C-alpha atoms as a PDB file:
ATOM      1  CA  MET A   1       0.084   0.190   0.200  1.00  0.00           C
ATOM      2  CA  SER A   2       1.679   3.188  -0.998  1.00  0.00           C
ATOM      3  CA  THR A   3       2.014   6.351   1.071  1.00  0.00           C
ATOM      4  CA  PRO A   4      -0.158   9.326  -0.239  1.00  0.00           C
ATOM      5  CA  PRO A   5       2.303  12.328  -1.017  1.00  0.00           C
ATOM      6  CA  THR A   6       3.023  14.791   1.525  1.00  0.00           C
ATOM      7  CA  PRO A   7       1.542  18.416   0.818  1.00  0.00           C
ATOM      8  CA  THR A   8       4.018  21.382   0.376  1.00  0.00           C
ATOM      9  CA  PRO A   9       3.805  23.529   3.483  1.00  0.00           C
ATOM     10  CA  PRO A  10       3.005  27.060   3.307  1.00  0.00           C
ATOM     11  CA  ALA A  11       5.678  29.662   2.902  1.00  0.00           C
ATOM     12  CA  ALA A  12       7.313  30.777   6.128  1.00  0.00           C
ATOM     13  CA  SER A  13       6.565  34.478   5.304  1.00  0.00           C
ATOM     14  CA  GLY A  14       2.640  33.941   5.457  1.00  0.00           C
ATOM     15  CA  PHE A  15       2.157  35.739   2.039  1.00  0.00           C
ATOM     16  CA  PRO A  16       0.538  33.770  -0.542  1.00  0.00           C
ATOM     17  CA  PRO A  17       2.516  32.002  -3.467  1.00  0.00           C
ATOM     18  CA  GLN A  18       3.654  34.465  -6.181  1.00  0.00           C
ATOM     19  CA  ARG A  19       3.597  32.037  -9.134  1.00  0.00           C
ATOM     20  CA  SER A  20       0.470  32.951 -10.426  1.00  0.00           C
ATOM     21  CA  GLY A  21       1.120  36.595 -10.272  1.00  0.00           C
ATOM     22  CA  ASN A  22       4.277  36.307 -12.152  1.00  0.00           C
ATOM     23  CA  ARG A  23       2.377  34.108 -14.907  1.00  0.00           C
ATOM     24  CA  THR A  24      -0.255  36.854 -15.188  1.00  0.00           C
ATOM     25  CA  VAL A  25       2.686  39.534 -15.887  1.00  0.00           C
ATOM     26  CA  VAL A  26       4.388  37.170 -18.360  1.00  0.00           C
ATOM     27  CA  VAL A  27       1.109  36.688 -20.342  1.00  0.00           C
ATOM     28  CA  LEU A  28       0.565  40.485 -20.244  1.00  0.00           C
ATOM     29  CA  LEU A  29       4.125  41.143 -21.671  1.00  0.00           C
ATOM     30  CA  ILE A  30       3.567  38.504 -24.288  1.00  0.00           C
ATOM     31  CA  VAL A  31       0.305  39.963 -25.396  1.00  0.00           C
ATOM     32  CA  VAL A  32       1.783  43.509 -25.512  1.00  0.00           C
ATOM     33  CA  ALA A  33       4.568  42.039 -27.566  1.00  0.00           C
ATOM     34  CA  LEU A  34       2.379  40.462 -30.125  1.00  0.00           C
ATOM     35  CA  LEU A  35       0.339  43.514 -30.440  1.00  0.00           C
ATOM     36  CA  VAL A  36       3.558  45.736 -31.318  1.00  0.00           C
ATOM     37  CA  ALA A  37       4.688  43.148 -33.567  1.00  0.00           C
ATOM     38  CA  VAL A  38       1.329  43.265 -35.397  1.00  0.00           C
ATOM     39  CA  ILE A  39       1.239  46.896 -35.693  1.00  0.00           C
ATOM     40  CA  VAL A  40       4.798  47.198 -36.890  1.00  0.00           C
ATOM     41  CA  ALA A  41       3.896  44.602 -39.655  1.00  0.00           C
ATOM     42  CA  LEU A  42       1.079  46.451 -40.498  1.00  0.00           C
ATOM     43  CA  LEU A  43       2.781  49.705 -40.992  1.00  0.00           C
ATOM     44  CA  LEU A  44       5.581  47.983 -43.033  1.00  0.00           C
ATOM     45  CA  THR A  45       3.043  46.479 -45.213  1.00  0.00           C
ATOM     46  CA  ARG A  46       1.190  49.410 -45.938  1.00  0.00           C
ATOM     47  CA  GLY A  47       4.517  51.434 -46.815  1.00  0.00           C
ATOM     48  CA  LYS A  48       5.325  48.531 -49.353  1.00  0.00           C
ATOM     49  CA  SER A  49       1.874  48.052 -50.756  1.00  0.00           C
ATOM     50  CA  GLY A  50       2.643  50.950 -53.645  1.00  0.00           C
ATOM     51  CA  PRO A  51       3.587  54.289 -54.710  1.00  0.00           C
ATOM     52  CA  SER A  52       2.551  57.286 -52.757  1.00  0.00           C
ATOM     53  CA  ALA A  53      -0.046  59.533 -54.146  1.00  0.00           C
ATOM     54  CA  MET A  54       2.763  62.076 -54.903  1.00  0.00           C
ATOM     55  CA  GLU A  55       4.768  59.382 -56.751  1.00  0.00           C
ATOM     56  CA  ALA A  56       1.786  58.217 -58.621  1.00  0.00           C
ATOM     57  CA  SER A  57       0.901  61.681 -59.734  1.00  0.00           C
ATOM     58  CA  SER A  58       4.594  62.565 -60.887  1.00  0.00           C
ATOM     59  CA  SER A  59       5.034  59.148 -62.754  1.00  0.00           C
ATOM     60  CA  PRO A  60       4.401  59.283 -66.373  1.00  0.00           C
ATOM     61  CA  PRO A  61       1.700  56.899 -67.543  1.00  0.00           C
ATOM     62  CA  THR A  62       3.180  53.719 -69.280  1.00  0.00           C
ATOM     63  CA  SER A  63       1.821  52.054 -72.319  1.00  0.00           C
ATOM     64  CA  SER A  64       2.840  48.476 -71.399  1.00  0.00           C
ATOM     65  CA  ALA A  65      -0.611  47.321 -70.183  1.00  0.00           C
ATOM     66  CA  ALA A  66      -2.675  45.871 -72.855  1.00  0.00           C
ATOM     67  CA  PRO A  67      -6.101  47.793 -73.423  1.00  0.00           C
ATOM     68  CA  PRO A  68      -9.104  46.152 -72.056  1.00  0.00           C
ATOM     69  CA  PRO A  69     -11.302  44.008 -74.483  1.00  0.00           C
ATOM     70  CA  SER A  70     -14.151  46.057 -75.765  1.00  0.00           C
ATOM     71  CA  ALA A  71     -17.628  44.764 -74.710  1.00  0.00           C
ATOM     72  CA  ALA A  72     -19.574  43.145 -77.465  1.00  0.00           C
ATOM     73  CA  GLU A  73     -22.406  45.263 -79.089  1.00  0.00           C
ATOM     74  CA  PRO A  74     -25.898  43.842 -77.823  1.00  0.00           C
ATOM     75  CA  GLY A  75     -27.240  41.162 -79.942  1.00  0.00           C
ATOM     76  CA  THR A  76     -23.965  40.141 -81.467  1.00  0.00           C
ATOM     77  CA  SER A  77     -21.424  37.435 -80.360  1.00  0.00           C
ATOM     78  CA  PRO A  78     -18.198  38.216 -78.730  1.00  0.00           C
ATOM     79  CA  THR A  79     -16.403  36.158 -81.354  1.00  0.00           C
ATOM     80  CA  ALA A  80     -17.885  38.082 -84.230  1.00  0.00           C
ATOM     81  CA  GLU A  81     -15.581  39.123 -87.030  1.00  0.00           C
ATOM     82  CA  PRO A  82     -14.549  42.683 -86.659  1.00  0.00           C
ATOM     83  CA  THR A  83     -15.813  45.219 -89.042  1.00  0.00           C
ATOM     84  CA  PRO A  84     -13.510  45.601 -91.997  1.00  0.00           C
ATOM     85  CA  GLU A  85     -11.860  49.016 -92.003  1.00  0.00           C
ATOM     86  CA  ARG A  86     -12.931  51.573 -94.490  1.00  0.00           C
ATOM     87  CA  THR A  87     -10.896  52.561 -97.330  1.00  0.00           C
ATOM     88  CA  SER A  88     -12.568  55.909 -97.874  1.00  0.00           C
ATOM     89  CA  ALA A  89     -14.121  58.463 -95.890  1.00  0.00           C
ATOM     90  CA  PRO A  90     -17.885  58.075 -95.429  1.00  0.00           C
ATOM     91  CA  THR A  91     -20.157  60.377 -96.687  1.00  0.00           C
ATOM     92  CA  LEU A  92     -21.807  62.721 -94.325  1.00  0.00           C
ATOM     93  CA  THR A  93     -25.597  62.316 -93.674  1.00  0.00           C
ATOM     94  CA  ASP A  94     -26.662  64.827 -91.085  1.00  0.00           C
ATOM     95  CA  SER A  95     -27.736  68.034 -92.336  1.00  0.00           C
ATOM     96  CA  GLN A  96     -25.786  70.455 -90.151  1.00  0.00           C
ATOM     97  CA  SER A  97     -22.411  68.838 -91.077  1.00  0.00           C
ATOM     98  CA  LEU A  98     -23.384  68.889 -94.851  1.00  0.00           C
ATOM     99  CA  GLU A  99     -24.453  72.436 -94.716  1.00  0.00           C
ATOM    100  CA  ILE A 100     -20.890  73.385 -93.160  1.00  0.00           C
ATOM    101  CA  ALA A 101     -19.012  71.543 -95.647  1.00  0.00           C
ATOM    102  CA  HIS A 102     -21.169  72.887 -98.486  1.00  0.00           C
ATOM    103  CA  ASN A 103     -20.423  76.596 -97.034  1.00  0.00           C
ATOM    104  CA  GLU A 104     -16.713  75.930 -96.749  1.00  0.00           C
ATOM    105  CA  ILE A 105     -16.289  75.117-100.382  1.00  0.00           C
ATOM    106  CA  THR A 106     -16.053  78.612-102.151  1.00  0.00           C
ATOM    107  CA  ARG A 107     -15.064  77.948-105.917  1.00  0.00           C
ATOM    108  CA  ASP A 108     -13.878  81.672-105.881  1.00  0.00           C
ATOM    109  CA  PRO A 109     -12.334  82.024-109.245  1.00  0.00           C
ATOM    110  CA  ASP A 110     -10.081  84.920-107.825  1.00  0.00           C
ATOM    111  CA  ASP A 111      -8.939  82.925-104.842  1.00  0.00           C
ATOM    112  CA  PRO A 112      -4.853  83.047-104.973  1.00  0.00           C
ATOM    113  CA  ARG A 113      -4.589  80.030-102.643  1.00  0.00           C
ATOM    114  CA  ALA A 114      -6.788  77.831-104.897  1.00  0.00           C
ATOM    115  CA  GLN A 115      -5.842  75.387-107.660  1.00  0.00           C
ATOM    116  CA  GLY A 116      -8.036  73.434-110.365  1.00  0.00           C
ATOM    117  CA  SER A 117     -11.038  74.351-112.357  1.00  0.00           C
ATOM    118  CA  VAL A 118     -13.907  76.140-110.510  1.00  0.00           C
ATOM    119  CA  ASP A 119     -16.102  73.847-112.117  1.00  0.00           C
ATOM    120  CA  ALA A 120     -14.438  70.726-110.794  1.00  0.00           C
ATOM    121  CA  PRO A 121     -17.025  68.024-109.554  1.00  0.00           C
ATOM    122  CA  VAL A 122     -14.777  67.425-106.336  1.00  0.00           C
ATOM    123  CA  VAL A 123     -13.347  70.249-104.142  1.00  0.00           C
ATOM    124  CA  MET A 124     -11.062  69.660-101.440  1.00  0.00           C
ATOM    125  CA  VAL A 125     -10.759  72.262 -98.761  1.00  0.00           C
ATOM    126  CA  LEU A 126      -7.434  71.836 -96.983  1.00  0.00           C
ATOM    127  CA  TYR A 127      -6.887  73.057 -93.458  1.00  0.00           C
ATOM    128  CA  SER A 128      -3.061  73.205 -92.715  1.00  0.00           C
ATOM    129  CA  ASP A 129      -0.069  74.789 -91.010  1.00  0.00           C
ATOM    130  CA  PHE A 130       3.429  75.032 -92.357  1.00  0.00           C
ATOM    131  CA  ALA A 131       4.903  73.843 -88.965  1.00  0.00           C
ATOM    132  CA  CYS A 132       2.714  70.855 -88.768  1.00  0.00           C
ATOM    133  CA  PRO A 133       4.617  67.554 -89.180  1.00  0.00           C
ATOM    134  CA  TYR A 134       1.954  65.567 -90.383  1.00  0.00           C
ATOM    135  CA  CYS A 135       1.027  68.422 -93.147  1.00  0.00           C
ATOM    136  CA  THR A 136       4.533  68.012 -94.146  1.00  0.00           C
ATOM    137  CA  VAL A 137       4.096  64.311 -94.784  1.00  0.00           C
ATOM    138  CA  PHE A 138       0.847  65.233 -96.455  1.00  0.00           C
ATOM    139  CA  ALA A 139       2.343  67.884 -98.707  1.00  0.00           C
ATOM    140  CA  GLN A 140       5.408  65.666 -99.612  1.00  0.00           C
ATOM    141  CA  GLU A 141       3.683  62.192-100.052  1.00  0.00           C
ATOM    142  CA  VAL A 142      -0.079  62.696-101.040  1.00  0.00           C
ATOM    143  CA  GLU A 143      -0.632  66.073-102.751  1.00  0.00           C
ATOM    144  CA  PRO A 144       2.074  65.315-105.582  1.00  0.00           C
ATOM    145  CA  GLN A 145      -0.025  62.126-106.126  1.00  0.00           C
ATOM    146  CA  LEU A 146      -3.329  64.341-106.679  1.00  0.00           C
ATOM    147  CA  GLU A 147      -1.922  66.418-109.416  1.00  0.00           C
ATOM    148  CA  ASP A 148      -3.430  64.299-112.227  1.00  0.00           C
ATOM    149  CA  LEU A 149      -6.841  64.689-110.739  1.00  0.00           C
ATOM    150  CA  VAL A 150      -6.342  68.554-110.798  1.00  0.00           C
ATOM    151  CA  ALA A 151      -4.744  68.686-114.139  1.00  0.00           C
ATOM    152  CA  ASP A 152      -7.806  66.472-115.621  1.00  0.00           C
ATOM    153  CA  GLY A 153     -10.564  68.603-114.010  1.00  0.00           C
ATOM    154  CA  THR A 154     -11.595  66.181-111.580  1.00  0.00           C
ATOM    155  CA  LEU A 155     -10.234  68.165-108.335  1.00  0.00           C
ATOM    156  CA  ARG A 156      -9.912  71.505-107.133  1.00  0.00           C
ATOM    157  CA  ILE A 157      -7.826  72.086-103.936  1.00  0.00           C
ATOM    158  CA  GLU A 158      -8.669  75.297-101.870  1.00  0.00           C
ATOM    159  CA  TRP A 159      -6.348  76.189 -98.955  1.00  0.00           C
ATOM    160  CA  ARG A 160      -7.146  77.367 -95.537  1.00  0.00           C
ATOM    161  CA  ASP A 161      -4.884  78.539 -92.708  1.00  0.00           C
ATOM    162  CA  LEU A 162      -5.058  76.710 -89.317  1.00  0.00           C
ATOM    163  CA  ALA A 163      -1.940  78.329 -87.875  1.00  0.00           C
ATOM    164  CA  GLN A 164      -1.505  77.037 -84.332  1.00  0.00           C
ATOM    165  CA  ILE A 165       1.221  74.570 -83.933  1.00  0.00           C
ATOM    166  CA  THR A 166       4.284  76.931 -83.002  1.00  0.00           C
ATOM    167  CA  GLU A 167       4.678  80.389 -82.262  1.00  0.00           C
ATOM    168  CA  THR A 168       5.647  81.244 -85.823  1.00  0.00           C
ATOM    169  CA  SER A 169       3.124  79.464 -87.410  1.00  0.00           C
ATOM    170  CA  PRO A 170       1.136  82.475 -87.813  1.00  0.00           C
ATOM    171  CA  LEU A 171       3.848  84.384 -89.665  1.00  0.00           C
ATOM    172  CA  ALA A 172       4.451  81.417 -92.081  1.00  0.00           C
ATOM    173  CA  ALA A 173       0.665  81.670 -92.926  1.00  0.00           C
ATOM    174  CA  GLN A 174       1.078  85.418 -93.602  1.00  0.00           C
ATOM    175  CA  ALA A 175       3.942  84.658 -95.845  1.00  0.00           C
ATOM    176  CA  GLY A 176       1.673  82.276 -97.671  1.00  0.00           C
ATOM    177  CA  ILE A 177      -0.889  85.128 -98.331  1.00  0.00           C
ATOM    178  CA  ALA A 178       2.085  87.278 -99.242  1.00  0.00           C
ATOM    179  CA  ALA A 179       3.246  84.876-101.845  1.00  0.00           C
ATOM    180  CA  GLY A 180      -0.353  84.436-103.126  1.00  0.00           C
ATOM    181  CA  ASN A 181      -0.762  88.083-103.694  1.00  0.00           C
ATOM    182  CA  GLN A 182       1.888  87.762-106.343  1.00  0.00           C
ATOM    183  CA  GLY A 183       0.416  84.612-107.739  1.00  0.00           C
ATOM    184  CA  LYS A 184       3.160  82.346-106.131  1.00  0.00           C
ATOM    185  CA  PHE A 185       1.338  80.704-103.231  1.00  0.00           C
ATOM    186  CA  TRP A 186       1.695  77.029-104.456  1.00  0.00           C
ATOM    187  CA  GLU A 187       5.235  77.506-105.489  1.00  0.00           C
ATOM    188  CA  PHE A 188       5.751  78.930-102.106  1.00  0.00           C
ATOM    189  CA  HIS A 189       3.934  76.026-100.260  1.00  0.00           C
ATOM    190  CA  ASP A 190       6.104  73.470-102.202  1.00  0.00           C
ATOM    191  CA  VAL A 191       9.266  75.232-101.273  1.00  0.00           C
ATOM    192  CA  VAL A 192       8.525  75.406 -97.616  1.00  0.00           C
ATOM    193  CA  TYR A 193       7.366  71.926 -97.360  1.00  0.00           C
ATOM    194  CA  ALA A 194      10.228  70.648 -99.189  1.00  0.00           C
ATOM    195  CA  ALA A 195      12.493  72.050 -96.949  1.00  0.00           C
ATOM    196  CA  ALA A 196      10.481  70.977 -93.672  1.00  0.00           C
ATOM    197  CA  ASP A 197      11.248  67.804 -91.545  1.00  0.00           C
ATOM    198  CA  PRO A 198       8.452  65.576 -91.159  1.00  0.00           C
ATOM    199  CA  GLN A 199       9.710  64.676 -87.663  1.00  0.00           C
ATOM    200  CA  ALA A 200      10.016  68.186 -86.321  1.00  0.00           C
ATOM    201  CA  HIS A 201       8.218  71.549 -85.922  1.00  0.00           C
ATOM    202  CA  PRO A 202       9.990  74.131 -87.868  1.00  0.00           C
ATOM    203  CA  ASP A 203      10.397  77.728 -86.802  1.00  0.00           C
ATOM    204  CA  TYR A 204      10.319  80.425 -89.338  1.00  0.00           C
ATOM    205  CA  THR A 205      11.857  83.958 -89.243  1.00  0.00           C
ATOM    206  CA  GLU A 206      11.092  86.685 -91.647  1.00  0.00           C
ATOM    207  CA  ASP A 207      14.540  86.298 -93.439  1.00  0.00           C
ATOM    208  CA  SER A 208      13.869  82.475 -93.754  1.00  0.00           C
ATOM    209  CA  LEU A 209      10.499  83.046 -95.351  1.00  0.00           C
ATOM    210  CA  VAL A 210      11.728  85.605 -97.655  1.00  0.00           C
ATOM    211  CA  ASP A 211      14.415  83.272 -98.700  1.00  0.00           C
ATOM    212  CA  PHE A 212      11.727  80.662 -99.501  1.00  0.00           C
ATOM    213  CA  ALA A 213       9.967  83.353-101.477  1.00  0.00           C
ATOM    214  CA  GLN A 214      12.970  83.889-103.461  1.00  0.00           C
ATOM    215  CA  GLN A 215      13.249  80.234-104.402  1.00  0.00           C
ATOM    216  CA  ALA A 216       9.490  80.180-105.317  1.00  0.00           C
ATOM    217  CA  GLY A 217      10.011  82.713-107.796  1.00  0.00           C
ATOM    218  CA  VAL A 218       8.124  85.711-105.914  1.00  0.00           C
ATOM    219  CA  PRO A 219       9.058  88.774-108.062  1.00  0.00           C
ATOM    220  CA  ASP A 220       8.823  91.465-105.809  1.00  0.00           C
ATOM    221  CA  LEU A 221      10.569  90.538-102.329  1.00  0.00           C
ATOM    222  CA  ASP A 222      10.040  93.926-100.918  1.00  0.00           C
ATOM    223  CA  ARG A 223       6.369  93.651-101.350  1.00  0.00           C
ATOM    224  CA  PHE A 224       6.389  90.390-100.008  1.00  0.00           C
ATOM    225  CA  ARG A 225       7.959  91.160 -96.897  1.00  0.00           C
ATOM    226  CA  ALA A 226       5.455  94.387 -96.440  1.00  0.00           C
ATOM    227  CA  ASP A 227       2.489  92.199 -97.228  1.00  0.00           C
ATOM    228  CA  MET A 228       3.731  89.353 -94.647  1.00  0.00           C
ATOM    229  CA  ASN A 229       4.002  91.944 -92.105  1.00  0.00           C
ATOM    230  CA  ASP A 230       0.687  93.856 -92.761  1.00  0.00           C
ATOM    231  CA  PRO A 231      -1.490  93.874 -89.809  1.00  0.00           C
ATOM    232  CA  ALA A 232      -4.459  93.122 -92.248  1.00  0.00           C
ATOM    233  CA  THR A 233      -2.626  89.862 -93.140  1.00  0.00           C
ATOM    234  CA  ALA A 234      -2.010  88.955 -89.738  1.00  0.00           C
ATOM    235  CA  SER A 235      -5.672  89.493 -88.901  1.00  0.00           C
ATOM    236  CA  ALA A 236      -6.809  87.465 -91.773  1.00  0.00           C
ATOM    237  CA  VAL A 237      -4.560  84.437 -90.442  1.00  0.00           C
ATOM    238  CA  SER A 238      -6.174  85.056 -86.966  1.00  0.00           C
ATOM    239  CA  GLU A 239      -9.529  85.222 -88.194  1.00  0.00           C
ATOM    240  CA  ALA A 240      -9.035  81.924 -90.553  1.00  0.00           C
ATOM    241  CA  THR A 241      -7.666  80.056 -87.524  1.00  0.00           C
ATOM    242  CA  ASN A 242     -10.796  81.207 -85.246  1.00  0.00           C
ATOM    243  CA  HIS A 243     -13.116  80.230 -87.940  1.00  0.00           C
ATOM    244  CA  ALA A 244     -11.743  76.663 -88.114  1.00  0.00           C
ATOM    245  CA  HIS A 245     -12.044  76.432 -84.293  1.00  0.00           C
ATOM    246  CA  SER A 246     -15.718  77.532 -84.450  1.00  0.00           C
ATOM    247  CA  LEU A 247     -16.304  74.926 -86.758  1.00  0.00           C
ATOM    248  CA  GLY A 248     -14.810  72.223 -84.095  1.00  0.00           C
ATOM    249  CA  ILE A 249     -11.754  71.744 -86.378  1.00  0.00           C
ATOM    250  CA  GLN A 250      -8.898  71.382 -83.807  1.00  0.00           C
ATOM    251  CA  GLY A 251      -5.896  69.798 -85.685  1.00  0.00           C
ATOM    252  CA  THR A 252      -4.192  69.508 -89.066  1.00  0.00           C
ATOM    253  CA  PRO A 253      -4.312  68.380 -91.765  1.00  0.00           C
ATOM    254  CA  PHE A 254      -8.038  68.294 -92.124  1.00  0.00           C
ATOM    255  CA  LEU A 255      -9.895  67.854 -95.273  1.00  0.00           C
ATOM    256  CA  ILE A 256     -13.365  68.495 -96.461  1.00  0.00           C
ATOM    257  CA  ILE A 257     -14.006  66.709 -99.734  1.00  0.00           C
ATOM    258  CA  ASN A 258     -17.513  67.541-101.140  1.00  0.00           C
ATOM    259  CA  ASP A 259     -19.742  65.495 -98.553  1.00  0.00           C
ATOM    260  CA  ALA A 260     -17.076  63.786 -96.812  1.00  0.00           C
ATOM    261  CA  VAL A 261     -14.295  64.914 -94.304  1.00  0.00           C
ATOM    262  CA  ILE A 262     -10.917  63.378 -93.101  1.00  0.00           C
ATOM    263  CA  ALA A 263      -9.605  64.535 -89.631  1.00  0.00           C
ATOM    264  CA  GLY A 264      -5.950  63.755 -89.765  1.00  0.00           C
ATOM    265  CA  TYR A 265      -3.294  62.246 -92.009  1.00  0.00           C
ATOM    266  CA  ARG A 266      -4.392  59.529 -94.311  1.00  0.00           C
ATOM    267  CA  PRO A 267      -2.447  57.929 -96.906  1.00  0.00           C
ATOM    268  CA  VAL A 268      -2.855  58.949-100.578  1.00  0.00           C
ATOM    269  CA  ASP A 269      -4.789  55.634-101.585  1.00  0.00           C
ATOM    270  CA  TYR A 270      -7.597  56.582 -98.978  1.00  0.00           C
ATOM    271  CA  VAL A 271      -7.744  60.282-100.119  1.00  0.00           C
ATOM    272  CA  ARG A 272      -7.810  59.276-103.649  1.00  0.00           C
ATOM    273  CA  ALA A 273     -10.575  56.587-102.881  1.00  0.00           C
ATOM    274  CA  THR A 274     -12.721  59.349-101.215  1.00  0.00           C
ATOM    275  CA  ILE A 275     -12.101  61.691-103.945  1.00  0.00           C
ATOM    276  CA  ALA A 276     -13.282  59.075-106.657  1.00  0.00           C
ATOM    277  CA  GLU A 277     -16.322  58.376-104.621  1.00  0.00           C
ATOM    278  CA  GLN A 278     -17.297  61.846-104.138  1.00  0.00           C
ATOM    279  CA  ALA A 279     -16.801  62.234-107.906  1.00  0.00           C
ATOM    280  CA  THR A 280     -19.213  59.241-108.438  1.00  0.00           C
ATOM    281  CA  ASN A 281     -21.797  60.828-106.077  1.00  0.00           C
ATOM    282  CA  ALA A 282     -21.562  64.346-108.021  1.00  0.00           C
ATOM    283  CA  SER A 283     -22.220  62.847-111.526  1.00  0.00           C
END
């Protein structure tokens, strides 16, 4: 028969044992330590979760992300074939746009900045800027391939100033008017655009424009300079630009081709196809 264990006697001091109190303190310290660790972890995680608002606002956007897929049109399958890209500009259908287009075509026989027959079935109104890179590409690559249509009486081209690209765009437009006053607008146009870099925005000075006028065969350079600096010429350029803006035209080149419009640069095949379609509609 085993002897039962002897109980532990109370402490000699008569105070209750301190072990349970010590355990409570330890537990509290552990809890506090855990809470501190959690708070520190949260702060570190938030600091690494992404750029600050200041960083985000100062960082340039990137184009590496793919665009989101467009939603399918109602009633169509998401796997439906895309609509083929047009090969010519569509004919306008709303009456307001047609009225604007028709009003912009003047067929003025005395317009020094127009070329082609006033009776041509198709008129192309060209809004352009001598400092516009895409206008330079259009002048160098597209316009030369429209010359046959001008020569055979199909096409008439009427120039309009939309001088806004650089600070010297208005001066170049004024020079174009001055050259036109002596019957040399298109020669001046060709010389200026031939010298322009399609990858840059050229700056013009009075002297550089006089040099272009000389190359274009403008006979009276003193008159050219005077006309270029005439306040009436500057006012005409400003009014033309403001008028284009009032129509909602903001960029160059911009074309009105009878009852169609082309906003921005398009290759020659697209432009010629639009002219051909409008010629058919006019016949």
